[in-house]
Protein backbone atom coordinates (compact mmCIF):
# COMPACT_ATOMS: atom_id res chain seq x y z
CA MET A 1 -14.92 22.71 -28.30
CA ASP A 2 -13.45 25.84 -26.70
CA ILE A 3 -9.72 25.01 -26.65
CA ASP A 4 -8.85 28.00 -24.49
CA ALA A 5 -11.44 26.95 -21.88
CA VAL A 6 -10.13 23.37 -21.88
CA ASP A 7 -6.54 24.58 -21.45
CA LYS A 8 -7.61 26.81 -18.58
CA LEU A 9 -9.52 23.94 -16.93
CA VAL A 10 -6.55 21.57 -17.25
CA PHE A 11 -4.16 24.17 -15.82
CA HIS A 12 -6.37 24.83 -12.78
CA VAL A 13 -7.00 21.14 -12.09
CA ILE A 14 -3.26 20.32 -12.19
CA GLU A 15 -2.61 23.28 -9.89
CA LYS A 16 -5.33 22.27 -7.42
CA VAL A 17 -4.34 18.59 -7.11
CA ALA A 18 -0.73 19.65 -6.47
CA GLU A 19 -1.75 21.52 -3.31
CA ASP A 20 -0.56 19.99 -0.03
CA GLU A 21 -4.05 19.71 1.45
CA CYS A 22 -5.87 18.88 -1.77
CA ASP A 23 -9.50 17.76 -1.36
CA LEU A 24 -10.36 15.79 -4.50
CA ASP A 25 -14.09 16.27 -3.97
CA GLU A 26 -13.51 20.03 -4.13
CA VAL A 27 -11.57 19.56 -7.36
CA VAL A 28 -14.50 17.57 -8.79
CA GLU A 29 -16.89 20.39 -7.83
CA PHE A 30 -14.58 22.87 -9.55
CA VAL A 31 -14.57 20.74 -12.74
CA LEU A 32 -18.38 20.56 -12.72
CA SER A 33 -18.80 24.28 -12.09
CA PHE A 34 -16.25 25.25 -14.73
CA SER A 35 -17.81 22.89 -17.26
CA ARG A 36 -21.27 24.37 -16.73
CA GLU A 37 -19.93 27.93 -16.95
CA HIS A 38 -18.09 27.26 -20.21
CA SER A 39 -20.63 24.79 -21.67
CA LEU A 40 -18.06 21.98 -21.98
CA LEU A 41 -19.50 18.66 -23.14
CA PRO A 42 -19.27 15.54 -20.91
CA GLU A 43 -17.38 13.85 -23.77
CA THR A 44 -14.63 16.47 -23.37
CA LEU A 45 -14.23 15.62 -19.69
CA LEU A 46 -14.14 11.93 -20.58
CA LYS A 47 -11.33 12.52 -23.11
CA LEU A 48 -9.39 14.48 -20.49
CA SER A 49 -9.84 11.60 -18.05
CA PHE A 50 -8.31 9.16 -20.56
CA ILE A 51 -5.44 11.54 -21.37
CA PHE A 52 -4.51 11.96 -17.70
CA GLY A 53 -4.78 8.20 -17.21
CA ASN A 54 -2.39 7.55 -20.09
CA ASP A 55 0.05 10.00 -18.51
CA GLU A 56 -0.31 8.26 -15.11
CA MET A 57 -1.62 11.49 -13.57
CA TYR A 58 -4.14 9.61 -11.47
CA ARG A 59 -5.37 12.34 -9.14
CA GLU A 60 -6.38 14.42 -12.15
CA LYS A 61 -7.89 11.35 -13.80
CA TYR A 62 -9.96 10.65 -10.70
CA ALA A 63 -11.36 14.20 -10.66
CA PHE A 64 -12.43 14.04 -14.31
CA SER A 65 -13.78 10.47 -14.06
CA ARG A 66 -15.95 11.32 -11.07
CA ALA A 67 -17.14 14.53 -12.70
CA CYS A 68 -18.19 12.47 -15.74
CA ALA A 69 -20.04 10.03 -13.49
CA LEU A 70 -21.98 12.88 -11.86
CA ILE A 71 -23.01 14.23 -15.28
CA TYR A 72 -23.79 11.01 -17.16
CA SER A 73 -26.67 8.62 -16.64
CA GLY A 74 -27.25 4.92 -17.33
CA LYS A 75 -24.42 2.75 -18.61
CA MET A 76 -22.02 5.67 -19.10
CA ARG A 77 -22.51 6.71 -15.46
CA GLU A 78 -21.75 3.17 -14.31
CA GLU A 79 -18.58 3.00 -16.40
CA ALA A 80 -17.38 6.43 -15.24
CA HIS A 81 -17.85 5.50 -11.57
CA MET A 82 -15.96 2.26 -12.28
CA GLU A 83 -13.02 4.20 -13.75
CA ALA A 84 -13.06 6.58 -10.79
CA GLY A 85 -13.08 3.62 -8.37
CA LYS A 86 -10.16 1.88 -10.04
CA THR A 87 -8.22 5.16 -10.13
CA ALA A 88 -8.86 5.84 -6.44
CA SER A 89 -7.66 2.28 -5.72
CA LEU A 90 -4.40 2.98 -7.56
CA LEU A 91 -3.98 6.10 -5.43
CA GLY A 92 -4.55 4.11 -2.24
CA LEU A 93 -7.65 6.17 -1.42
CA GLY A 94 -9.76 3.35 0.00
CA ASP A 95 -12.69 5.45 1.18
CA LEU A 96 -13.10 7.20 -2.17
CA ALA A 97 -12.70 3.94 -4.09
CA ALA A 98 -15.30 2.21 -1.91
CA ARG A 99 -17.72 5.08 -2.53
CA GLU A 100 -17.30 4.80 -6.30
CA PHE A 101 -17.84 1.02 -6.27
CA GLU A 102 -20.93 1.48 -4.10
CA GLU A 103 -22.34 3.89 -6.68
CA VAL A 104 -21.60 1.43 -9.48
CA LEU A 105 -23.49 -1.25 -7.58
CA GLU A 106 -26.45 1.09 -7.10
CA GLU A 107 -26.60 1.33 -10.89
CA ASN A 108 -25.93 -2.37 -11.45
CA PRO A 109 -25.91 -4.72 -8.40
CA GLY A 110 -24.50 -7.54 -10.53
CA ASN A 111 -21.38 -5.73 -11.75
CA ILE A 112 -18.73 -8.36 -11.01
CA GLU A 113 -15.77 -6.02 -11.33
CA ALA A 114 -17.38 -3.58 -8.87
CA LEU A 115 -18.24 -6.34 -6.39
CA CYS A 116 -14.65 -7.56 -6.49
CA GLY A 117 -13.23 -4.04 -6.26
CA TYR A 118 -15.58 -3.08 -3.44
CA GLY A 119 -14.61 -6.22 -1.54
CA ALA A 120 -10.92 -5.33 -1.93
CA MET A 121 -11.50 -1.80 -0.62
CA LEU A 122 -13.54 -3.04 2.34
CA ALA A 123 -10.74 -5.49 3.17
CA GLU A 124 -8.19 -2.68 2.93
CA LEU A 125 -10.31 -0.61 5.32
CA GLY A 126 -10.38 -3.53 7.79
CA LYS A 127 -14.04 -4.43 7.21
CA LEU A 128 -13.29 -8.09 6.65
CA ASP A 129 -16.75 -9.58 7.14
CA ALA A 130 -18.28 -7.04 4.76
CA ALA A 131 -15.54 -7.79 2.22
CA ARG A 132 -16.23 -11.51 2.50
CA ALA A 133 -19.92 -10.88 1.76
CA GLN A 134 -19.02 -8.99 -1.43
CA TYR A 135 -16.67 -11.73 -2.67
CA GLU A 136 -19.18 -14.47 -1.97
CA LYS A 137 -21.91 -12.54 -3.75
CA ALA A 138 -19.59 -12.05 -6.74
CA LEU A 139 -18.81 -15.78 -6.88
CA GLU A 140 -22.50 -16.66 -6.70
CA ILE A 141 -23.08 -14.54 -9.81
CA HIS A 142 -19.86 -15.51 -11.60
CA PRO A 143 -18.34 -18.74 -10.18
CA PHE A 144 -15.26 -18.47 -12.40
CA HIS A 145 -14.14 -14.88 -11.74
CA ILE A 146 -10.40 -15.17 -11.29
CA ASP A 147 -9.66 -11.85 -9.57
CA THR A 148 -12.39 -12.53 -7.01
CA PHE A 149 -10.88 -15.94 -6.20
CA CYS A 150 -7.47 -14.30 -5.78
CA ASN A 151 -8.80 -11.52 -3.54
CA TYR A 152 -10.93 -14.00 -1.61
CA GLY A 153 -7.84 -16.14 -0.98
CA CYS A 154 -6.03 -13.09 0.42
CA LEU A 155 -9.00 -12.28 2.67
CA LEU A 156 -9.30 -15.85 3.97
CA TYR A 157 -5.57 -15.84 4.71
CA ARG A 158 -6.08 -12.69 6.81
CA LEU A 159 -8.99 -14.43 8.56
CA LYS A 160 -6.63 -17.36 9.31
CA ASP A 161 -8.70 -19.77 7.20
CA LEU A 162 -5.62 -21.24 5.51
CA ASP A 163 -7.44 -24.22 3.98
CA GLY A 164 -10.07 -21.94 2.46
CA ALA A 165 -7.38 -19.56 1.20
CA GLU A 166 -5.45 -22.41 -0.43
CA GLU A 167 -8.58 -23.66 -2.17
CA ALA A 168 -9.32 -20.16 -3.51
CA TYR A 169 -5.76 -19.70 -4.82
CA LYS A 170 -5.77 -23.15 -6.45
CA LYS A 171 -9.04 -22.35 -8.22
CA ALA A 172 -7.64 -19.03 -9.45
CA LEU A 173 -4.51 -20.72 -10.82
CA LEU A 174 -6.53 -23.53 -12.38
CA LEU A 175 -8.56 -20.91 -14.25
CA ASP A 176 -5.48 -18.83 -15.12
CA PRO A 177 -2.04 -20.38 -14.52
CA ARG A 178 -0.48 -17.03 -15.44
CA HIS A 179 -2.24 -14.97 -12.76
CA VAL A 180 0.58 -13.09 -11.03
CA GLY A 181 -1.42 -12.08 -7.94
CA ALA A 182 -2.56 -15.64 -7.33
CA HIS A 183 1.01 -16.99 -7.56
CA CYS A 184 2.21 -14.33 -5.12
CA GLY A 185 -0.67 -14.85 -2.69
CA TYR A 186 -0.30 -18.61 -2.78
CA GLY A 187 3.43 -18.20 -2.22
CA ILE A 188 2.76 -16.13 0.91
CA LEU A 189 0.35 -18.78 2.18
CA LEU A 190 2.82 -21.61 1.54
CA TYR A 191 5.61 -19.67 3.26
CA LYS A 192 3.36 -19.13 6.28
CA SER A 193 2.72 -22.89 6.34
CA GLY A 194 6.45 -23.62 6.36
CA GLN A 195 6.54 -24.85 2.74
CA LYS A 196 9.37 -22.57 1.67
CA ILE A 197 10.48 -24.49 -1.43
CA GLU A 198 6.93 -24.42 -2.80
CA ALA A 199 6.60 -20.73 -1.84
CA SER A 200 9.83 -19.97 -3.69
CA TYR A 201 8.44 -21.67 -6.81
CA HIS A 202 5.35 -19.44 -6.83
CA TYR A 203 7.33 -16.24 -6.21
CA ILE A 204 9.67 -17.13 -9.07
CA ARG A 205 6.74 -17.96 -11.33
CA ALA A 206 5.09 -14.62 -10.51
CA LEU A 207 8.32 -12.80 -11.34
CA GLU A 208 8.75 -14.70 -14.60
CA LEU A 209 5.33 -13.35 -15.57
CA ASP A 210 5.91 -9.83 -14.23
CA SER A 211 9.47 -9.00 -13.17
CA ARG A 212 8.32 -5.66 -11.67
CA HIS A 213 5.62 -7.13 -9.40
CA VAL A 214 6.29 -5.35 -6.13
CA GLU A 215 4.92 -7.80 -3.57
CA SER A 216 6.52 -10.84 -5.25
CA ASN A 217 9.90 -9.12 -5.33
CA PHE A 218 9.52 -8.10 -1.70
CA ARG A 219 8.42 -11.53 -0.49
CA TYR A 220 11.06 -13.35 -2.50
CA ALA A 221 13.73 -10.96 -1.17
CA ARG A 222 12.70 -11.78 2.39
CA LEU A 223 12.81 -15.52 1.69
CA LEU A 224 16.30 -15.19 0.13
CA GLU A 225 17.48 -13.07 3.05
CA GLU A 226 16.32 -15.75 5.47
CA LYS A 227 18.32 -18.33 3.47
CA GLY A 228 21.43 -16.17 3.83
CA GLU A 229 21.48 -15.12 0.17
CA ALA A 230 21.90 -11.40 0.86
CA LEU A 231 23.10 -10.32 -2.60
CA GLU A 232 20.19 -12.03 -4.35
CA ALA A 233 17.79 -10.55 -1.78
CA GLU A 234 19.21 -7.08 -2.44
CA THR A 235 18.52 -7.49 -6.16
CA HIS A 236 14.84 -8.07 -5.50
CA TYR A 237 14.53 -5.26 -2.94
CA ILE A 238 15.97 -2.91 -5.56
CA LYS A 239 13.52 -4.15 -8.22
CA ALA A 240 10.62 -3.64 -5.82
CA LEU A 241 11.82 -0.13 -4.94
CA LYS A 242 12.18 0.81 -8.61
CA ALA A 243 8.56 -0.22 -9.16
CA ASP A 244 7.27 1.42 -5.95
CA PRO A 245 9.78 4.01 -4.68
CA GLU A 246 7.31 5.55 -2.21
CA SER A 247 6.73 2.40 -0.14
CA PRO A 248 8.03 2.95 3.42
CA LYS A 249 7.90 -0.82 4.03
CA LEU A 250 10.33 -1.52 1.18
CA HIS A 251 12.77 1.17 2.32
CA LEU A 252 12.62 -0.11 5.89
CA PHE A 253 13.31 -3.76 5.03
CA TYR A 254 16.09 -2.84 2.61
CA ALA A 255 17.61 -0.59 5.31
CA ARG A 256 17.54 -3.55 7.72
CA LEU A 257 19.39 -5.73 5.22
CA LEU A 258 22.05 -3.08 4.63
CA ALA A 259 22.42 -2.41 8.36
CA GLU A 260 22.85 -6.10 9.10
CA HIS A 261 25.77 -6.24 6.67
CA GLY A 262 27.42 -3.04 7.92
CA ILE A 263 26.55 -0.87 4.92
CA VAL A 264 25.89 2.10 7.17
CA HIS A 265 25.52 4.92 4.66
CA GLY A 266 23.06 2.99 2.50
CA ALA A 267 21.07 1.88 5.53
CA ARG A 268 20.87 5.47 6.79
CA VAL A 269 19.59 6.69 3.43
CA HIS A 270 16.77 4.15 3.39
CA PHE A 271 15.84 4.57 7.07
CA ARG A 272 15.59 8.32 6.48
CA TYR A 273 13.48 7.85 3.36
CA ALA A 274 11.15 5.42 5.13
CA LEU A 275 10.68 7.96 7.93
CA LYS A 276 10.16 10.80 5.47
CA ILE A 277 7.24 8.86 3.97
CA ASP A 278 5.93 7.59 7.32
CA PRO A 279 7.27 9.78 10.16
CA ASP A 280 5.05 8.04 12.73
CA ASP A 281 6.67 4.60 12.40
CA VAL A 282 7.93 3.98 15.93
CA GLU A 283 9.78 0.78 15.01
CA ALA A 284 11.67 2.53 12.20
CA HIS A 285 12.78 5.34 14.55
CA CYS A 286 13.92 2.72 17.07
CA GLU A 287 15.86 0.63 14.56
CA TYR A 288 17.44 3.69 12.98
CA ALA A 289 18.50 4.87 16.44
CA GLY A 290 20.05 1.45 17.14
CA LEU A 291 22.07 1.64 13.92
CA LEU A 292 23.28 5.16 14.71
CA ALA A 293 24.25 4.20 18.25
CA ARG A 294 26.06 1.08 17.07
CA PHE A 295 28.33 3.16 14.83
CA GLY A 296 28.99 5.96 17.30
CA HIS A 297 26.46 8.58 16.18
CA ARG A 298 25.15 9.06 19.71
CA HIS A 299 23.54 12.47 19.36
CA GLU A 300 21.56 11.45 16.27
CA ALA A 301 20.62 8.17 17.95
CA GLU A 302 19.26 10.06 20.96
CA VAL A 303 17.14 12.24 18.67
CA GLN A 304 15.61 9.13 17.07
CA TYR A 305 14.94 7.40 20.41
CA LYS A 306 13.23 10.55 21.69
CA LYS A 307 11.06 10.72 18.57
CA ALA A 308 10.08 7.07 19.01
CA LEU A 309 9.18 7.66 22.64
CA GLU A 310 7.17 10.79 21.81
CA LEU A 311 5.07 8.58 19.54
CA ASP A 312 4.90 5.67 21.98
CA PRO A 313 6.20 6.40 25.51
CA GLY A 314 5.96 2.72 26.44
CA HIS A 315 7.83 1.28 23.42
CA PHE A 316 10.01 -1.39 25.04
CA GLY A 317 12.74 -1.53 22.38
CA SER A 318 13.18 2.24 22.35
CA LEU A 319 13.29 2.42 26.16
CA CYS A 320 15.93 -0.30 26.36
CA GLY A 321 18.00 1.21 23.55
CA TYR A 322 17.79 4.70 25.01
CA GLY A 323 18.75 3.38 28.43
CA ASP A 324 21.82 1.68 26.94
CA LEU A 325 22.76 4.87 25.12
CA LEU A 326 22.49 6.99 28.28
CA LYS A 327 24.60 4.46 30.18
CA GLU A 328 27.29 4.61 27.47
CA LYS A 329 27.29 8.40 27.83
CA GLY A 330 27.80 8.07 31.61
CA GLN A 331 24.31 9.36 32.45
CA TYR A 332 23.66 6.55 34.92
CA ALA A 333 20.79 8.10 36.89
CA GLU A 334 18.85 8.93 33.70
CA ALA A 335 19.58 5.46 32.31
CA GLU A 336 18.29 3.80 35.49
CA GLU A 337 15.02 5.75 35.24
CA ILE A 338 14.58 4.72 31.59
CA TYR A 339 15.27 1.07 32.49
CA ARG A 340 12.58 1.28 35.19
CA GLN A 341 10.14 2.54 32.57
CA ALA A 342 11.15 -0.32 30.26
CA GLU A 343 10.54 -2.89 32.99
CA TYR A 344 7.13 -1.38 33.75
CA SER A 345 6.29 -1.47 30.02
CA ARG A 346 7.36 -5.11 29.79
CA ARG A 347 5.21 -6.11 32.75
CA CYS A 348 2.19 -4.26 31.37
CA ALA A 349 2.57 -6.16 28.10
CA TRP A 350 2.25 -9.55 29.82
């Protein structure tokens, strides 16, 4: 193995995936071209894939895993596509993950893990009927596949088939009482059905099994907040944020909790971070503006209302809030015009 060539390849791949507009398919093509030029063995690329995975450098891992899949044949090709699919899933790259799982299934139509993973990606992409077909096919082949039952329960919940979702979650937990995802999903279902004590039990059980589980911490925090247990809710928001610090949803809900209890500086920090991650969230701009206006930061509030209305000129909450702000500033004619727009927006929404 040419160590210098491997070092050069690793350096260039790290550099390329760090680019702002990185195209991972282009990185894969670079890996393949470089490997051919320097006569690197497929086994070398596979080792690099594992090394990057162990270091949680998933974009690099994806590039090497896919490159391996395009070089290998047979069982090794199937396994490499599977690794690439799981890695793309971790990165939240639904289209790329779906493509990898499709290629696994071309090699082996009965690969249960790929059927389940492909179903999850289709569901994430909003293709719910196609996802359902994948899950049902997986359960025909393997009637006791726990992850498929869990994912199927989540899908049925989204399709508003609550009885079907409950049955799927119960089967998953019967097969594996320690399945964290099934406890969390069943908790969400029970909460939706108004069974909050039972929901709380499943969230707590999920967190006993995995204290860092993001969705369970988030859902349990919301349940505690609703019960008026703000300090306990804060604890779980913080745990969720430590596990997933780049989730705009977590920052937004934690900001709401802090704002409700007058912790202005903390709320501002988390509103800003949520908007840094997702600058097109109209509701976040509106709520942040409301907080700023409430505590006298009128100029900053106006900036946020304007941003919200640039994104959605008919956003009722932003129009009302901006109208109130203009009225407080003595700009009565401008406020009246904004109120007229708000009324028109409200009527159009009927």
